[in-house]
Amino acid sequence: MAKQTKITIETDSLLILRGRNTSRAWCRLCAAKGEMIALDNLGIISNLDRPALEEWLNSGELHRSQAADGSELICLDSLLACVRTTRNR
């Protein structure tokens, strides 16, 4: 009887669109300039549910800073890292 080998390939993709909802600003935790989005606009680019977002914010996994107008900004690099970590679990 012939041997059979089964190969399974799993892939993930993530599409990041940059538009008028993001701006470049300094992230002190990344120690670099990167794309930032206002916390209020996070729902526009993500389908994150509110409990998961709150968990990431409270854990410090999402890097936050404050804009000149007082609004909270989220570092998109840290958001991407959180998504990758969650997918790998």
C-alpha atoms as a PDB file:
ATOM      1  CA  MET A   1       0.000   0.000   0.000  1.00  0.00           C
ATOM      2  CA  ALA A   2       1.313   3.471  -0.893  1.00  0.00           C
ATOM      3  CA  LYS A   3       2.044   6.037   1.776  1.00  0.00           C
ATOM      4  CA  GLN A   4      -0.005   9.197   1.857  1.00  0.00           C
ATOM      5  CA  THR A   5       1.180  12.513   3.195  1.00  0.00           C
ATOM      6  CA  LYS A   6      -1.231  15.268   4.108  1.00  0.00           C
ATOM      7  CA  ILE A   7       0.090  18.847   4.041  1.00  0.00           C
ATOM      8  CA  THR A   8      -1.938  21.619   5.645  1.00  0.00           C
ATOM      9  CA  ILE A   9      -1.054  25.251   5.002  1.00  0.00           C
ATOM     10  CA  GLU A  10      -2.592  27.922   7.199  1.00  0.00           C
ATOM     11  CA  THR A  11      -2.364  31.558   6.232  1.00  0.00           C
ATOM     12  CA  ASP A  12      -3.468  34.818   7.796  1.00  0.00           C
ATOM     13  CA  SER A  13      -3.570  38.215   6.242  1.00  0.00           C
ATOM     14  CA  LEU A  14      -3.909  41.666   7.684  1.00  0.00           C
ATOM     15  CA  LEU A  15      -4.660  44.726   5.600  1.00  0.00           C
ATOM     16  CA  ILE A  16      -3.699  48.109   6.983  1.00  0.00           C
ATOM     17  CA  LEU A  17      -5.035  51.141   5.209  1.00  0.00           C
ATOM     18  CA  ARG A  18      -3.633  54.525   5.995  1.00  0.00           C
ATOM     19  CA  GLY A  19      -5.907  57.443   5.477  1.00  0.00           C
ATOM     20  CA  ARG A  20      -7.126  60.647   6.957  1.00  0.00           C
ATOM     21  CA  ASN A  21      -7.890  59.003  10.314  1.00  0.00           C
ATOM     22  CA  THR A  22      -4.212  58.461  11.147  1.00  0.00           C
ATOM     23  CA  SER A  23      -1.360  60.820  11.811  1.00  0.00           C
ATOM     24  CA  ARG A  24       2.344  60.433  12.480  1.00  0.00           C
ATOM     25  CA  ALA A  25       3.441  61.155  16.030  1.00  0.00           C
ATOM     26  CA  TRP A  26       6.078  60.116  18.545  1.00  0.00           C
ATOM     27  CA  CYS A  27       5.334  56.974  20.573  1.00  0.00           C
ATOM     28  CA  ARG A  28       7.409  57.126  23.740  1.00  0.00           C
ATOM     29  CA  LEU A  29       7.032  53.374  24.414  1.00  0.00           C
ATOM     30  CA  CYS A  30       8.213  52.406  20.904  1.00  0.00           C
ATOM     31  CA  ALA A  31      10.784  55.218  21.067  1.00  0.00           C
ATOM     32  CA  ALA A  32       9.965  56.006  17.452  1.00  0.00           C
ATOM     33  CA  LYS A  33       7.707  58.083  15.271  1.00  0.00           C
ATOM     34  CA  GLY A  34       4.787  56.041  13.982  1.00  0.00           C
ATOM     35  CA  GLU A  35       1.202  56.038  12.804  1.00  0.00           C
ATOM     36  CA  MET A  36      -1.305  56.992  15.490  1.00  0.00           C
ATOM     37  CA  ILE A  37      -5.070  57.007  15.520  1.00  0.00           C
ATOM     38  CA  ALA A  38      -7.463  58.722  17.886  1.00  0.00           C
ATOM     39  CA  LEU A  39      -9.035  56.288  20.328  1.00  0.00           C
ATOM     40  CA  ASP A  40     -12.466  57.535  19.248  1.00  0.00           C
ATOM     41  CA  ASN A  41     -11.703  56.510  15.633  1.00  0.00           C
ATOM     42  CA  LEU A  42     -10.436  53.030  16.468  1.00  0.00           C
ATOM     43  CA  GLY A  43     -13.797  51.502  15.569  1.00  0.00           C
ATOM     44  CA  ILE A  44     -13.418  52.849  12.035  1.00  0.00           C
ATOM     45  CA  ILE A  45     -10.377  50.696  11.270  1.00  0.00           C
ATOM     46  CA  SER A  46     -11.045  47.722  13.505  1.00  0.00           C
ATOM     47  CA  ASN A  47     -13.839  45.340  14.350  1.00  0.00           C
ATOM     48  CA  LEU A  48     -12.493  44.937  17.866  1.00  0.00           C
ATOM     49  CA  ASP A  49     -15.115  44.388  20.485  1.00  0.00           C
ATOM     50  CA  ARG A  50     -15.089  46.828  23.392  1.00  0.00           C
ATOM     51  CA  PRO A  51     -14.102  44.270  26.105  1.00  0.00           C
ATOM     52  CA  ALA A  52     -10.977  43.196  24.165  1.00  0.00           C
ATOM     53  CA  LEU A  53     -10.014  46.820  23.595  1.00  0.00           C
ATOM     54  CA  GLU A  54     -10.468  47.636  27.289  1.00  0.00           C
ATOM     55  CA  GLU A  55      -8.355  44.612  28.240  1.00  0.00           C
ATOM     56  CA  TRP A  56      -5.505  45.736  25.960  1.00  0.00           C
ATOM     57  CA  LEU A  57      -5.737  49.324  27.209  1.00  0.00           C
ATOM     58  CA  ASN A  58      -5.686  48.284  30.866  1.00  0.00           C
ATOM     59  CA  SER A  59      -2.816  45.824  30.358  1.00  0.00           C
ATOM     60  CA  GLY A  60      -0.602  48.458  28.751  1.00  0.00           C
ATOM     61  CA  GLU A  61      -0.222  46.409  25.572  1.00  0.00           C
ATOM     62  CA  LEU A  62      -1.643  49.291  23.532  1.00  0.00           C
ATOM     63  CA  HIS A  63       0.601  52.326  23.557  1.00  0.00           C
ATOM     64  CA  ARG A  64      -1.289  55.535  24.307  1.00  0.00           C
ATOM     65  CA  SER A  65      -0.340  59.159  24.117  1.00  0.00           C
ATOM     66  CA  GLN A  66      -2.197  62.425  24.154  1.00  0.00           C
ATOM     67  CA  ALA A  67      -2.658  64.740  21.191  1.00  0.00           C
ATOM     68  CA  ALA A  68      -2.323  68.498  21.458  1.00  0.00           C
ATOM     69  CA  ASP A  69      -6.126  68.816  21.500  1.00  0.00           C
ATOM     70  CA  GLY A  70      -6.330  66.432  24.486  1.00  0.00           C
ATOM     71  CA  SER A  71      -7.645  63.388  22.618  1.00  0.00           C
ATOM     72  CA  GLU A  72      -6.087  59.990  23.281  1.00  0.00           C
ATOM     73  CA  LEU A  73      -3.989  58.463  20.510  1.00  0.00           C
ATOM     74  CA  ILE A  74      -3.235  54.775  19.994  1.00  0.00           C
ATOM     75  CA  CYS A  75      -0.019  53.571  18.362  1.00  0.00           C
ATOM     76  CA  LEU A  76      -0.912  51.418  15.353  1.00  0.00           C
ATOM     77  CA  ASP A  77       2.297  49.375  15.724  1.00  0.00           C
ATOM     78  CA  SER A  78       1.213  48.322  19.223  1.00  0.00           C
ATOM     79  CA  LEU A  79      -2.296  47.546  17.929  1.00  0.00           C
ATOM     80  CA  LEU A  80      -0.786  45.328  15.234  1.00  0.00           C
ATOM     81  CA  ALA A  81       1.368  43.566  17.849  1.00  0.00           C
ATOM     82  CA  CYS A  82      -1.727  42.893  19.996  1.00  0.00           C
ATOM     83  CA  VAL A  83      -3.587  41.430  17.022  1.00  0.00           C
ATOM     84  CA  ARG A  84      -0.658  39.183  16.121  1.00  0.00           C
ATOM     85  CA  THR A  85      -0.294  37.976  19.728  1.00  0.00           C
ATOM     86  CA  THR A  86      -4.005  37.194  19.930  1.00  0.00           C
ATOM     87  CA  ARG A  87      -3.951  35.225  16.662  1.00  0.00           C
ATOM     88  CA  ASN A  88      -0.972  33.156  17.801  1.00  0.00           C
ATOM     89  CA  ARG A  89      -2.721  31.963  20.983  1.00  0.00           C
END
